Each structure stands twice: as C-alpha cells, then as structure tokens.
Amino acid sequence: MRKASDFKPRQGIAAVNTEIPRGVSNEAAELVDDLFENLKACKPAWKQSFPDDRAMNIAKREWTKGFMENGITSRFMISRGKGVARRMPTPFFPSIGEFVSWCRPSAEDVGLPDASVAYKEACNAGQGHAWSHDAVQLAANATGRFELKRSPESVMFPRFKKNYEVYCLQVMRGEKLVIALPKPPPKPVFGDAGKPVRPDEVGSFLKNIRKGL
C-alpha cells in the first residue's frame, strides 16, 4: 500500500491533492499509515470505505488534518482510539470524527469525577471545602456558588456541566488549571481631618460638636 505522499493520479482522473498537509512531520504521517494498517486488520469490511489506493490516500490526508484540528497529538491518545476500535463489534472502518471521539480520554481516566458527582460536590461545598479536583472548584465558581445552592438542578446542572467540560478538556490536554486568589479588600481612604486641636481649644471644640448634634 502506497503512502499518501507517493500517490499520483491516473490519467483521465482529476488530480486530487493527497500530499501530507504542511507542518506535519514524517513521524505523524507514518503514525497515520500505521494506524490505518491496524484498523484494517480489525475492521475486515474496510474496503467498503476505501475501494482503491486513491480513496485510501485521500482519507489518510484528511485524517491527518482531522487529528491536527482536534488536538489528537500523542501516541497515548491514538492507542486509546485503537483500543476502542478493537472493542467495537462493527466490521466497518470508522469515520474520522468517530475515531477522534475514541481517542479522547474520559474524565475518570485523568482522575476527574463524573459531571453528576462533581455537580453534587459543588452544590454541597461550604467554606473551606477540600475540593476533589481544581476543575470542580473552577466550574462551581464559573457557574455561581450561590446559584448552585439556591436554584433547581434542572436549571443549574446544564450550566455547571458546560463549564465543567471546558475545564475537563483543559486537563485532558495537559494544561494547568489556575485558580485566581480573591483580591484583598481595598484599603479605606480617609479624608482630610483638618488641623489638630490644641489642648487649650478642647473645650470650645467639644462645644461646637455638641451644637452640631
């Protein structure tokens, strides 16, 4: 089987750009080649998707682009996708979107609680709570701690889940979560208190204050 970069269109067929996308290393291209061989081995009906070399090479180019666009950048993620593919009973070759979803680890895979568990923690968390994960705390803060305790679950859980998924995705990408520390209260600013009162003026000063009361 030829690689995408080796393909040349036959006479009478419109030329299709099957070159490896710019910026993709040879290692990445070889990774896609190896992946396709693995998937062909566990999906015997693969020829339904790729009846000839031309279709196969075009697909390899699109899959390489799809990995770049969806942040599938590690062998660990690809290996995870392969494992899911082997467990799937269908004999047909997966689509790029389907395989990308298989590559992404679940929240539990990276030590994150399920969204429903995280939501309950956020609703019940009090002052000084020891959070199970920074992502839960950040999602709770973004959703609104007061609202989580006061508003119904039917309203708040979808909001919390949306925020939580954003932080979960950052964790899965290996990004570091940063929890902003609360700002200290502003220092009080006092106006001009005027000139200090001399000892011999204390009596008249207090008399003037009483008049103003």
C-alpha atoms as a PDB file:
ATOM      1  CA  MET A   1       0.000   0.000   0.000  1.00  0.00           C
ATOM      2  CA  ARG A   2       1.418   3.343  -1.041  1.00  0.00           C
ATOM      3  CA  LYS A   3       1.565   6.302   1.294  1.00  0.00           C
ATOM      4  CA  ALA A   4      -0.388   9.477   0.672  1.00  0.00           C
ATOM      5  CA  SER A   5       2.741  11.320  -0.385  1.00  0.00           C
ATOM      6  CA  ASP A   6       3.506   8.660  -3.047  1.00  0.00           C
ATOM      7  CA  PHE A   7       0.153   8.831  -4.786  1.00  0.00           C
ATOM      8  CA  LYS A   8      -0.079  10.078  -8.376  1.00  0.00           C
ATOM      9  CA  PRO A   9      -3.491  10.371 -10.076  1.00  0.00           C
ATOM     10  CA  ARG A  10      -4.160   8.101 -13.040  1.00  0.00           C
ATOM     11  CA  GLN A  11      -4.825   9.503 -16.464  1.00  0.00           C
ATOM     12  CA  GLY A  12      -8.381  10.606 -17.007  1.00  0.00           C
ATOM     13  CA  ILE A  13      -8.997  11.275 -13.316  1.00  0.00           C
ATOM     14  CA  ALA A  14      -8.955  14.805 -11.940  1.00  0.00           C
ATOM     15  CA  ALA A  15      -5.913  15.405  -9.765  1.00  0.00           C
ATOM     16  CA  VAL A  16      -6.652  15.492  -6.058  1.00  0.00           C
ATOM     17  CA  ASN A  17      -4.174  16.944  -3.585  1.00  0.00           C
ATOM     18  CA  THR A  18      -3.091  13.983  -1.460  1.00  0.00           C
ATOM     19  CA  GLU A  19       0.155  15.426  -0.141  1.00  0.00           C
ATOM     20  CA  ILE A  20       0.762  15.432   3.576  1.00  0.00           C
ATOM     21  CA  PRO A  21      -0.538  18.765   4.980  1.00  0.00           C
ATOM     22  CA  ARG A  22       2.128  21.391   5.530  1.00  0.00           C
ATOM     23  CA  GLY A  23       3.572  21.400   9.020  1.00  0.00           C
ATOM     24  CA  VAL A  24       3.016  17.668   9.564  1.00  0.00           C
ATOM     25  CA  SER A  25       6.171  15.715  10.415  1.00  0.00           C
ATOM     26  CA  ASN A  26       7.155  12.470   8.742  1.00  0.00           C
ATOM     27  CA  GLU A  27       6.619  10.788  12.113  1.00  0.00           C
ATOM     28  CA  ALA A  28       2.998  11.984  12.196  1.00  0.00           C
ATOM     29  CA  ALA A  29       2.427  10.754   8.633  1.00  0.00           C
ATOM     30  CA  GLU A  30       3.891   7.352   9.498  1.00  0.00           C
ATOM     31  CA  LEU A  31       1.676   7.239  12.572  1.00  0.00           C
ATOM     32  CA  VAL A  32      -1.407   7.605  10.375  1.00  0.00           C
ATOM     33  CA  ASP A  33      -0.086   4.945   7.977  1.00  0.00           C
ATOM     34  CA  ASP A  34       0.424   2.514  10.861  1.00  0.00           C
ATOM     35  CA  LEU A  35      -2.988   3.369  12.304  1.00  0.00           C
ATOM     36  CA  PHE A  36      -4.731   2.554   9.035  1.00  0.00           C
ATOM     37  CA  GLU A  37      -2.977  -0.819   8.869  1.00  0.00           C
ATOM     38  CA  ASN A  38      -4.112  -1.584  12.426  1.00  0.00           C
ATOM     39  CA  LEU A  39      -7.693  -0.571  11.716  1.00  0.00           C
ATOM     40  CA  LYS A  40      -7.786  -2.603   8.502  1.00  0.00           C
ATOM     41  CA  ALA A  41      -6.725  -5.656  10.497  1.00  0.00           C
ATOM     42  CA  CYS A  42      -9.612  -5.337  12.982  1.00  0.00           C
ATOM     43  CA  LYS A  43     -12.227  -3.996  10.536  1.00  0.00           C
ATOM     44  CA  PRO A  44     -12.494  -6.574   7.726  1.00  0.00           C
ATOM     45  CA  ALA A  45     -15.097  -4.566   5.822  1.00  0.00           C
ATOM     46  CA  TRP A  46     -12.673  -1.648   5.375  1.00  0.00           C
ATOM     47  CA  LYS A  47     -12.822  -1.930   1.573  1.00  0.00           C
ATOM     48  CA  GLN A  48     -16.372  -0.599   1.739  1.00  0.00           C
ATOM     49  CA  SER A  49     -14.816   2.736   2.672  1.00  0.00           C
ATOM     50  CA  PHE A  50     -11.660   2.542   0.534  1.00  0.00           C
ATOM     51  CA  PRO A  51     -12.221   0.634  -2.701  1.00  0.00           C
ATOM     52  CA  ASP A  52      -8.839   1.670  -4.129  1.00  0.00           C
ATOM     53  CA  ASP A  53      -5.497   3.254  -3.244  1.00  0.00           C
ATOM     54  CA  ARG A  54      -6.687   6.683  -4.311  1.00  0.00           C
ATOM     55  CA  ALA A  55      -9.552   6.687  -1.791  1.00  0.00           C
ATOM     56  CA  MET A  56      -7.242   5.351   0.909  1.00  0.00           C
ATOM     57  CA  ASN A  57      -4.610   8.033   0.389  1.00  0.00           C
ATOM     58  CA  ILE A  58      -7.162  10.855   0.311  1.00  0.00           C
ATOM     59  CA  ALA A  59      -8.567   9.537   3.600  1.00  0.00           C
ATOM     60  CA  LYS A  60      -5.116   9.442   5.193  1.00  0.00           C
ATOM     61  CA  ARG A  61      -4.612  13.102   4.330  1.00  0.00           C
ATOM     62  CA  GLU A  62      -7.986  14.058   5.805  1.00  0.00           C
ATOM     63  CA  TRP A  63      -7.390  12.011   8.944  1.00  0.00           C
ATOM     64  CA  THR A  64      -4.032  13.714   9.468  1.00  0.00           C
ATOM     65  CA  LYS A  65      -5.729  17.109   9.202  1.00  0.00           C
ATOM     66  CA  GLY A  66      -8.514  15.939  11.488  1.00  0.00           C
ATOM     67  CA  PHE A  67      -6.044  14.925  14.180  1.00  0.00           C
ATOM     68  CA  MET A  68      -4.369  18.325  13.984  1.00  0.00           C
ATOM     69  CA  GLU A  69      -7.667  20.199  14.174  1.00  0.00           C
ATOM     70  CA  ASN A  70      -8.939  18.182  17.150  1.00  0.00           C
ATOM     71  CA  GLY A  71      -5.790  18.140  19.257  1.00  0.00           C
ATOM     72  CA  ILE A  72      -5.041  14.431  18.850  1.00  0.00           C
ATOM     73  CA  THR A  73      -1.312  14.857  19.283  1.00  0.00           C
ATOM     74  CA  SER A  74       0.010  11.919  21.309  1.00  0.00           C
ATOM     75  CA  ARG A  75       0.571   8.221  20.778  1.00  0.00           C
ATOM     76  CA  PHE A  76      -1.329   7.610  24.013  1.00  0.00           C
ATOM     77  CA  MET A  77      -4.472   9.142  22.528  1.00  0.00           C
ATOM     78  CA  ILE A  78      -4.084   7.166  19.295  1.00  0.00           C
ATOM     79  CA  SER A  79      -3.569   3.961  21.287  1.00  0.00           C
ATOM     80  CA  ARG A  80      -6.732   4.670  23.225  1.00  0.00           C
ATOM     81  CA  GLY A  81      -8.646   5.041  19.959  1.00  0.00           C
ATOM     82  CA  LYS A  82      -7.247   1.741  18.690  1.00  0.00           C
ATOM     83  CA  GLY A  83      -8.372   0.004  21.858  1.00  0.00           C
ATOM     84  CA  VAL A  84     -11.926   1.273  21.472  1.00  0.00           C
ATOM     85  CA  ALA A  85     -11.930   0.244  17.802  1.00  0.00           C
ATOM     86  CA  ARG A  86     -10.971  -3.313  18.734  1.00  0.00           C
ATOM     87  CA  ARG A  87     -13.848  -3.492  21.204  1.00  0.00           C
ATOM     88  CA  MET A  88     -16.433  -2.239  18.744  1.00  0.00           C
ATOM     89  CA  PRO A  89     -18.313  -5.157  17.129  1.00  0.00           C
ATOM     90  CA  THR A  90     -18.862  -3.411  13.795  1.00  0.00           C
ATOM     91  CA  PRO A  91     -16.654  -4.682  10.936  1.00  0.00           C
ATOM     92  CA  PHE A  92     -16.715  -1.325   9.157  1.00  0.00           C
ATOM     93  CA  PHE A  93     -13.997   1.327   9.150  1.00  0.00           C
ATOM     94  CA  PRO A  94     -14.785   4.256  11.491  1.00  0.00           C
ATOM     95  CA  SER A  95     -15.146   7.848  10.364  1.00  0.00           C
ATOM     96  CA  ILE A  96     -12.530  10.398  11.410  1.00  0.00           C
ATOM     97  CA  GLY A  97     -14.985  12.074  13.788  1.00  0.00           C
ATOM     98  CA  GLU A  98     -15.872   8.773  15.414  1.00  0.00           C
ATOM     99  CA  PHE A  99     -12.243   7.786  15.887  1.00  0.00           C
ATOM    100  CA  VAL A 100     -11.349  11.207  17.318  1.00  0.00           C
ATOM    101  CA  SER A 101     -14.041  10.733  19.968  1.00  0.00           C
ATOM    102  CA  TRP A 102     -12.495   7.357  20.838  1.00  0.00           C
ATOM    103  CA  CYS A 103      -9.060   8.951  21.286  1.00  0.00           C
ATOM    104  CA  ARG A 104     -10.152  11.422  23.924  1.00  0.00           C
ATOM    105  CA  PRO A 105      -9.851  10.135  27.480  1.00  0.00           C
ATOM    106  CA  SER A 106     -12.872  10.289  29.718  1.00  0.00           C
ATOM    107  CA  ALA A 107     -12.933  12.433  32.820  1.00  0.00           C
ATOM    108  CA  GLU A 108     -12.404   9.368  35.006  1.00  0.00           C
ATOM    109  CA  ASP A 109      -9.281   8.408  33.013  1.00  0.00           C
ATOM    110  CA  VAL A 110      -7.471  11.547  34.207  1.00  0.00           C
ATOM    111  CA  GLY A 111      -8.734  11.488  37.802  1.00  0.00           C
ATOM    112  CA  LEU A 112     -11.769  13.728  37.310  1.00  0.00           C
ATOM    113  CA  PRO A 113     -15.130  12.871  38.861  1.00  0.00           C
ATOM    114  CA  ASP A 114     -18.176  12.340  36.678  1.00  0.00           C
ATOM    115  CA  ALA A 115     -20.159  15.501  35.929  1.00  0.00           C
ATOM    116  CA  SER A 116     -23.092  14.452  38.124  1.00  0.00           C
ATOM    117  CA  VAL A 117     -20.765  13.669  41.049  1.00  0.00           C
ATOM    118  CA  ALA A 118     -18.909  16.953  40.542  1.00  0.00           C
ATOM    119  CA  TYR A 119     -22.233  18.832  40.485  1.00  0.00           C
ATOM    120  CA  LYS A 120     -23.311  17.385  43.834  1.00  0.00           C
ATOM    121  CA  GLU A 121     -19.956  18.312  45.334  1.00  0.00           C
ATOM    122  CA  ALA A 122     -20.268  21.867  44.031  1.00  0.00           C
ATOM    123  CA  CYS A 123     -23.763  22.223  45.474  1.00  0.00           C
ATOM    124  CA  ASN A 124     -22.785  20.929  48.910  1.00  0.00           C
ATOM    125  CA  ALA A 125     -19.379  22.609  49.216  1.00  0.00           C
ATOM    126  CA  GLY A 126     -19.077  25.006  52.119  1.00  0.00           C
ATOM    127  CA  GLN A 127     -16.436  27.401  53.346  1.00  0.00           C
ATOM    128  CA  GLY A 128     -13.002  25.755  53.419  1.00  0.00           C
ATOM    129  CA  HIS A 129     -14.183  22.726  51.419  1.00  0.00           C
ATOM    130  CA  ALA A 130     -11.439  20.331  50.265  1.00  0.00           C
ATOM    131  CA  TRP A 131     -12.208  20.055  46.556  1.00  0.00           C
ATOM    132  CA  SER A 132     -11.724  16.708  44.835  1.00  0.00           C
ATOM    133  CA  HIS A 133     -10.214  18.491  41.816  1.00  0.00           C
ATOM    134  CA  ASP A 134      -9.453  22.054  40.760  1.00  0.00           C
ATOM    135  CA  ALA A 135     -11.730  21.592  37.739  1.00  0.00           C
ATOM    136  CA  VAL A 136     -14.722  21.092  40.038  1.00  0.00           C
ATOM    137  CA  GLN A 137     -13.939  24.238  42.013  1.00  0.00           C
ATOM    138  CA  LEU A 138     -13.408  26.336  38.884  1.00  0.00           C
ATOM    139  CA  ALA A 139     -16.650  25.073  37.339  1.00  0.00           C
ATOM    140  CA  ALA A 140     -18.515  25.865  40.554  1.00  0.00           C
ATOM    141  CA  ASN A 141     -17.068  29.374  40.643  1.00  0.00           C
ATOM    142  CA  ALA A 142     -17.888  29.950  36.972  1.00  0.00           C
ATOM    143  CA  THR A 143     -21.470  28.723  37.455  1.00  0.00           C
ATOM    144  CA  GLY A 144     -22.062  30.660  40.666  1.00  0.00           C
ATOM    145  CA  ARG A 145     -21.742  29.146  44.133  1.00  0.00           C
ATOM    146  CA  PHE A 146     -24.815  30.948  45.476  1.00  0.00           C
ATOM    147  CA  GLU A 147     -26.955  29.977  42.484  1.00  0.00           C
ATOM    148  CA  LEU A 148     -25.891  26.324  42.770  1.00  0.00           C
ATOM    149  CA  LYS A 149     -27.263  26.197  46.315  1.00  0.00           C
ATOM    150  CA  ARG A 150     -30.451  28.134  45.639  1.00  0.00           C
ATOM    151  CA  SER A 151     -31.608  27.283  42.101  1.00  0.00           C
ATOM    152  CA  PRO A 152     -33.148  23.983  40.920  1.00  0.00           C
ATOM    153  CA  GLU A 153     -30.969  21.246  39.447  1.00  0.00           C
ATOM    154  CA  SER A 154     -32.929  21.319  36.176  1.00  0.00           C
ATOM    155  CA  VAL A 155     -31.608  24.837  35.623  1.00  0.00           C
ATOM    156  CA  MET A 156     -28.153  24.683  37.168  1.00  0.00           C
ATOM    157  CA  PHE A 157     -26.844  21.261  36.182  1.00  0.00           C
ATOM    158  CA  PRO A 158     -26.696  22.033  32.417  1.00  0.00           C
ATOM    159  CA  ARG A 159     -24.833  25.276  33.178  1.00  0.00           C
ATOM    160  CA  PHE A 160     -22.432  23.558  35.541  1.00  0.00           C
ATOM    161  CA  LYS A 161     -21.830  20.667  33.145  1.00  0.00           C
ATOM    162  CA  LYS A 162     -20.969  23.036  30.307  1.00  0.00           C
ATOM    163  CA  ASN A 163     -18.417  24.871  32.462  1.00  0.00           C
ATOM    164  CA  TYR A 164     -17.066  21.627  33.886  1.00  0.00           C
ATOM    165  CA  GLU A 165     -16.495  20.147  30.432  1.00  0.00           C
ATOM    166  CA  VAL A 166     -14.401  23.171  29.470  1.00  0.00           C
ATOM    167  CA  TYR A 167     -12.053  22.630  32.421  1.00  0.00           C
ATOM    168  CA  CYS A 168     -12.029  18.853  31.925  1.00  0.00           C
ATOM    169  CA  LEU A 169     -10.891  19.350  28.346  1.00  0.00           C
ATOM    170  CA  GLN A 170      -8.040  21.568  29.541  1.00  0.00           C
ATOM    171  CA  VAL A 171      -6.934  18.855  31.957  1.00  0.00           C
ATOM    172  CA  MET A 172      -7.102  16.208  29.227  1.00  0.00           C
ATOM    173  CA  ARG A 173      -4.902  18.378  27.042  1.00  0.00           C
ATOM    174  CA  GLY A 174      -2.335  18.597  29.810  1.00  0.00           C
ATOM    175  CA  GLU A 175      -2.991  22.258  30.528  1.00  0.00           C
ATOM    176  CA  LYS A 176      -2.521  23.599  34.041  1.00  0.00           C
ATOM    177  CA  LEU A 177      -5.586  24.973  35.777  1.00  0.00           C
ATOM    178  CA  VAL A 178      -5.133  28.238  37.642  1.00  0.00           C
ATOM    179  CA  ILE A 179      -7.414  29.264  40.482  1.00  0.00           C
ATOM    180  CA  ALA A 180      -7.338  33.019  40.981  1.00  0.00           C
ATOM    181  CA  LEU A 181      -6.913  34.098  44.577  1.00  0.00           C
ATOM    182  CA  PRO A 182      -9.548  36.524  45.885  1.00  0.00           C
ATOM    183  CA  LYS A 183      -8.487  40.137  45.764  1.00  0.00           C
ATOM    184  CA  PRO A 184      -7.868  41.802  49.155  1.00  0.00           C
ATOM    185  CA  PRO A 185     -10.424  44.426  50.148  1.00  0.00           C
ATOM    186  CA  PRO A 186      -9.431  47.978  49.240  1.00  0.00           C
ATOM    187  CA  LYS A 187      -7.799  49.996  51.960  1.00  0.00           C
ATOM    188  CA  PRO A 188     -10.065  52.677  53.444  1.00  0.00           C
ATOM    189  CA  VAL A 189      -9.285  56.174  52.305  1.00  0.00           C
ATOM    190  CA  PHE A 190      -9.781  58.862  54.895  1.00  0.00           C
ATOM    191  CA  GLY A 191     -10.405  62.458  54.034  1.00  0.00           C
ATOM    192  CA  ASP A 192      -8.561  65.442  55.499  1.00  0.00           C
ATOM    193  CA  ALA A 193      -9.352  65.554  59.234  1.00  0.00           C
ATOM    194  CA  GLY A 194      -8.230  69.127  59.472  1.00  0.00           C
ATOM    195  CA  LYS A 195      -5.712  70.694  61.834  1.00  0.00           C
ATOM    196  CA  PRO A 196      -5.085  69.046  65.196  1.00  0.00           C
ATOM    197  CA  VAL A 197      -6.850  70.648  68.192  1.00  0.00           C
ATOM    198  CA  ARG A 198      -4.624  72.381  70.745  1.00  0.00           C
ATOM    199  CA  PRO A 199      -5.140  71.459  74.425  1.00  0.00           C
ATOM    200  CA  ASP A 200      -6.472  74.930  75.241  1.00  0.00           C
ATOM    201  CA  GLU A 201      -9.087  74.616  72.470  1.00  0.00           C
ATOM    202  CA  VAL A 202     -10.529  71.250  73.502  1.00  0.00           C
ATOM    203  CA  GLY A 203     -13.399  72.789  75.476  1.00  0.00           C
ATOM    204  CA  SER A 204     -14.620  75.011  72.622  1.00  0.00           C
ATOM    205  CA  PHE A 205     -14.045  72.183  70.111  1.00  0.00           C
ATOM    206  CA  LEU A 206     -16.330  69.793  72.044  1.00  0.00           C
ATOM    207  CA  LYS A 207     -18.907  72.581  72.488  1.00  0.00           C
ATOM    208  CA  ASN A 208     -19.052  73.080  68.728  1.00  0.00           C
ATOM    209  CA  ILE A 209     -19.502  69.328  68.190  1.00  0.00           C
ATOM    210  CA  ARG A 210     -22.428  69.221  70.622  1.00  0.00           C
ATOM    211  CA  LYS A 211     -24.106  72.098  68.774  1.00  0.00           C
ATOM    212  CA  GLY A 212     -23.907  70.129  65.571  1.00  0.00           C
ATOM    213  CA  LEU A 213     -25.607  67.079  67.061  1.00  0.00           C
END
